[in-house]
Amino acid sequence: ERMLLGRFEQAPGCLNVLDVDDSEPPEWIVRAVNVAPSDLVHRATRQTTMEQYWARYRAAPPGLPDTA
C-alpha cells in the first residue's frame, strides 16, 4: 500500500537510509531521513529549497547572474 506524506521537504544533498533485508518479499525499515551533512539539525533555515532559491534570485542585482 502506497502512502503519501504530502509536503515532505528534502534538503539538497541529503541522505536517506533504508535497511532492506533479503527475505521474500523484502522487508525494510527507514533508519534516517533527510540527513544533511552540512546542517544536521536543520538550524540554518525554515524555508523550503525553492523559497531559498527565490530569495537569492530576488536579491541578485539586475542583469547579473547569481554566482553564489
N, C-alpha and C. Protein backbone atom coordinates (compact mmCIF):
# COMPACT_ATOMS: atom_id res chain seq x y z
N GLU A 1 0.84 -1.17 0.00
CA GLU A 1 0.00 0.00 0.00
C GLU A 1 0.89 1.24 0.00
N ARG A 2 0.70 2.09 -0.98
CA ARG A 2 1.49 3.32 -1.09
C ARG A 2 0.86 4.39 -0.20
N MET A 3 1.72 5.04 0.57
CA MET A 3 1.26 6.14 1.42
C MET A 3 1.97 7.41 0.99
N LEU A 4 1.24 8.49 0.91
CA LEU A 4 1.83 9.78 0.55
C LEU A 4 1.93 10.64 1.80
N LEU A 5 3.03 11.35 1.92
CA LEU A 5 3.26 12.17 3.09
C LEU A 5 2.95 13.64 2.85
N GLY A 6 2.33 13.95 1.73
CA GLY A 6 2.03 15.35 1.46
C GLY A 6 3.29 16.14 1.18
N ARG A 7 3.41 17.26 1.83
CA ARG A 7 4.56 18.14 1.63
C ARG A 7 5.73 17.66 2.47
N PHE A 8 6.68 17.03 1.86
CA PHE A 8 7.82 16.45 2.57
C PHE A 8 9.08 17.02 1.94
N GLU A 9 9.67 18.03 2.55
CA GLU A 9 10.83 18.74 2.01
C GLU A 9 12.11 17.95 2.28
N GLN A 10 12.94 17.85 1.26
CA GLN A 10 14.24 17.21 1.37
C GLN A 10 15.32 18.26 1.13
N ALA A 11 16.32 18.31 1.99
CA ALA A 11 17.43 19.26 1.84
C ALA A 11 18.30 18.84 0.66
N PRO A 12 18.89 19.80 -0.05
CA PRO A 12 19.79 19.45 -1.15
C PRO A 12 20.98 18.63 -0.63
N GLY A 13 21.27 17.53 -1.28
CA GLY A 13 22.40 16.69 -0.90
C GLY A 13 22.17 15.86 0.35
N CYS A 14 20.91 15.71 0.77
CA CYS A 14 20.64 14.96 1.99
C CYS A 14 20.75 13.45 1.76
N LEU A 15 20.84 12.74 2.85
CA LEU A 15 20.90 11.27 2.81
C LEU A 15 19.63 10.70 3.41
N ASN A 16 19.14 9.62 2.80
CA ASN A 16 18.03 8.84 3.33
C ASN A 16 18.54 7.41 3.42
N VAL A 17 18.38 6.77 4.57
CA VAL A 17 18.93 5.44 4.78
C VAL A 17 17.80 4.43 4.99
N LEU A 18 17.74 3.42 4.12
CA LEU A 18 16.78 2.33 4.23
C LEU A 18 17.54 1.04 4.49
N ASP A 19 17.08 0.26 5.44
CA ASP A 19 17.68 -1.03 5.76
C ASP A 19 16.76 -2.10 5.17
N VAL A 20 17.23 -2.79 4.12
CA VAL A 20 16.43 -3.78 3.41
C VAL A 20 17.04 -5.16 3.62
N ASP A 21 16.22 -6.13 4.03
CA ASP A 21 16.76 -7.49 4.21
C ASP A 21 16.57 -8.30 2.93
N ASP A 22 17.04 -9.55 2.95
CA ASP A 22 16.98 -10.38 1.74
C ASP A 22 15.85 -11.41 1.78
N SER A 23 14.84 -11.19 2.62
CA SER A 23 13.70 -12.12 2.66
C SER A 23 12.82 -11.90 1.44
N GLU A 24 11.86 -12.79 1.25
CA GLU A 24 10.96 -12.67 0.10
C GLU A 24 9.52 -12.66 0.61
N PRO A 25 8.73 -11.63 0.48
CA PRO A 25 9.11 -10.33 -0.07
C PRO A 25 10.02 -9.59 0.91
N PRO A 26 10.84 -8.69 0.39
CA PRO A 26 11.78 -7.99 1.27
C PRO A 26 11.07 -7.09 2.28
N GLU A 27 11.62 -7.06 3.47
CA GLU A 27 11.13 -6.14 4.48
C GLU A 27 12.16 -5.04 4.64
N TRP A 28 11.70 -3.86 4.98
CA TRP A 28 12.63 -2.75 5.13
C TRP A 28 12.18 -1.83 6.24
N ILE A 29 13.14 -1.07 6.74
CA ILE A 29 12.86 -0.09 7.78
C ILE A 29 13.63 1.19 7.44
N VAL A 30 13.03 2.31 7.71
CA VAL A 30 13.68 3.60 7.49
C VAL A 30 14.58 3.88 8.69
N ARG A 31 15.88 4.05 8.44
CA ARG A 31 16.84 4.33 9.51
C ARG A 31 17.11 5.82 9.68
N ALA A 32 17.11 6.56 8.60
CA ALA A 32 17.37 8.00 8.67
C ALA A 32 16.71 8.67 7.47
N VAL A 33 16.21 9.88 7.68
CA VAL A 33 15.56 10.63 6.61
C VAL A 33 16.06 12.07 6.66
N ASN A 34 16.42 12.59 5.48
CA ASN A 34 16.77 13.99 5.32
C ASN A 34 17.96 14.41 6.18
N VAL A 35 18.98 13.58 6.24
CA VAL A 35 20.20 13.91 6.98
C VAL A 35 21.10 14.72 6.06
N ALA A 36 21.28 15.99 6.39
CA ALA A 36 22.11 16.88 5.57
C ALA A 36 23.44 17.09 6.30
N PRO A 37 24.54 16.56 5.78
CA PRO A 37 25.84 16.69 6.46
C PRO A 37 26.22 18.13 6.78
N SER A 38 25.80 19.07 5.96
CA SER A 38 26.16 20.47 6.19
C SER A 38 25.30 21.14 7.26
N ASP A 39 24.18 20.53 7.63
CA ASP A 39 23.27 21.12 8.62
C ASP A 39 22.46 19.99 9.26
N LEU A 40 23.08 19.25 10.15
CA LEU A 40 22.47 18.03 10.69
C LEU A 40 21.13 18.25 11.39
N VAL A 41 20.97 19.34 12.10
CA VAL A 41 19.71 19.57 12.82
C VAL A 41 18.85 20.64 12.14
N HIS A 42 19.19 21.01 10.93
CA HIS A 42 18.41 21.95 10.12
C HIS A 42 18.14 23.27 10.85
N ARG A 43 19.21 23.86 11.40
CA ARG A 43 19.09 25.15 12.09
C ARG A 43 19.22 26.32 11.13
N ALA A 44 19.79 26.11 9.96
CA ALA A 44 20.11 27.21 9.05
C ALA A 44 18.88 27.94 8.54
N THR A 45 17.80 27.25 8.29
CA THR A 45 16.63 27.91 7.70
C THR A 45 15.36 27.10 7.94
N ARG A 46 14.24 27.80 7.87
CA ARG A 46 12.94 27.13 7.91
C ARG A 46 12.28 27.22 6.55
N GLN A 47 13.00 27.75 5.56
CA GLN A 47 12.45 27.88 4.21
C GLN A 47 12.65 26.59 3.43
N THR A 48 11.76 26.38 2.46
CA THR A 48 11.95 25.26 1.54
C THR A 48 13.08 25.60 0.58
N THR A 49 13.56 24.61 -0.13
CA THR A 49 14.63 24.83 -1.10
C THR A 49 14.23 25.86 -2.14
N MET A 50 13.02 25.76 -2.66
CA MET A 50 12.57 26.71 -3.68
C MET A 50 12.42 28.12 -3.11
N GLU A 51 12.01 28.24 -1.86
CA GLU A 51 11.93 29.56 -1.23
C GLU A 51 13.33 30.18 -1.09
N GLN A 52 14.32 29.36 -0.77
CA GLN A 52 15.70 29.85 -0.69
C GLN A 52 16.20 30.31 -2.05
N TYR A 53 15.95 29.52 -3.09
CA TYR A 53 16.37 29.90 -4.45
C TYR A 53 15.69 31.20 -4.87
N TRP A 54 14.41 31.36 -4.55
CA TRP A 54 13.67 32.57 -4.93
C TRP A 54 14.26 33.80 -4.21
N ALA A 55 14.59 33.67 -2.93
CA ALA A 55 15.17 34.79 -2.18
C ALA A 55 16.52 35.19 -2.77
N ARG A 56 17.34 34.22 -3.16
CA ARG A 56 18.63 34.53 -3.79
C ARG A 56 18.42 35.21 -5.14
N TYR A 57 17.47 34.76 -5.90
CA TYR A 57 17.17 35.35 -7.21
C TYR A 57 16.72 36.79 -7.05
N ARG A 58 15.82 37.04 -6.08
CA ARG A 58 15.30 38.39 -5.87
C ARG A 58 16.39 39.34 -5.36
N ALA A 59 17.38 38.83 -4.63
CA ALA A 59 18.44 39.68 -4.07
C ALA A 59 19.55 39.99 -5.07
N ALA A 60 19.62 39.25 -6.17
CA ALA A 60 20.69 39.45 -7.15
C ALA A 60 20.50 40.79 -7.87
N PRO A 61 21.60 41.49 -8.16
CA PRO A 61 21.49 42.75 -8.91
C PRO A 61 20.89 42.50 -10.29
N PRO A 62 20.13 43.45 -10.82
CA PRO A 62 19.52 43.28 -12.15
C PRO A 62 20.59 43.09 -13.22
N GLY A 63 20.37 42.14 -14.10
CA GLY A 63 21.27 41.92 -15.23
C GLY A 63 22.48 41.08 -14.94
N LEU A 64 22.73 40.74 -13.69
CA LEU A 64 23.89 39.92 -13.35
C LEU A 64 23.43 38.52 -12.93
N PRO A 65 24.15 37.50 -13.37
CA PRO A 65 23.78 36.13 -12.95
C PRO A 65 24.11 35.94 -11.48
N ASP A 66 23.35 35.10 -10.82
CA ASP A 66 23.61 34.77 -9.42
C ASP A 66 24.73 33.75 -9.38
N THR A 67 25.87 34.10 -8.81
CA THR A 67 27.03 33.19 -8.78
C THR A 67 27.28 32.63 -7.40
N ALA A 68 26.39 32.88 -6.45
CA ALA A 68 26.59 32.39 -5.08
C ALA A 68 26.37 30.90 -4.99
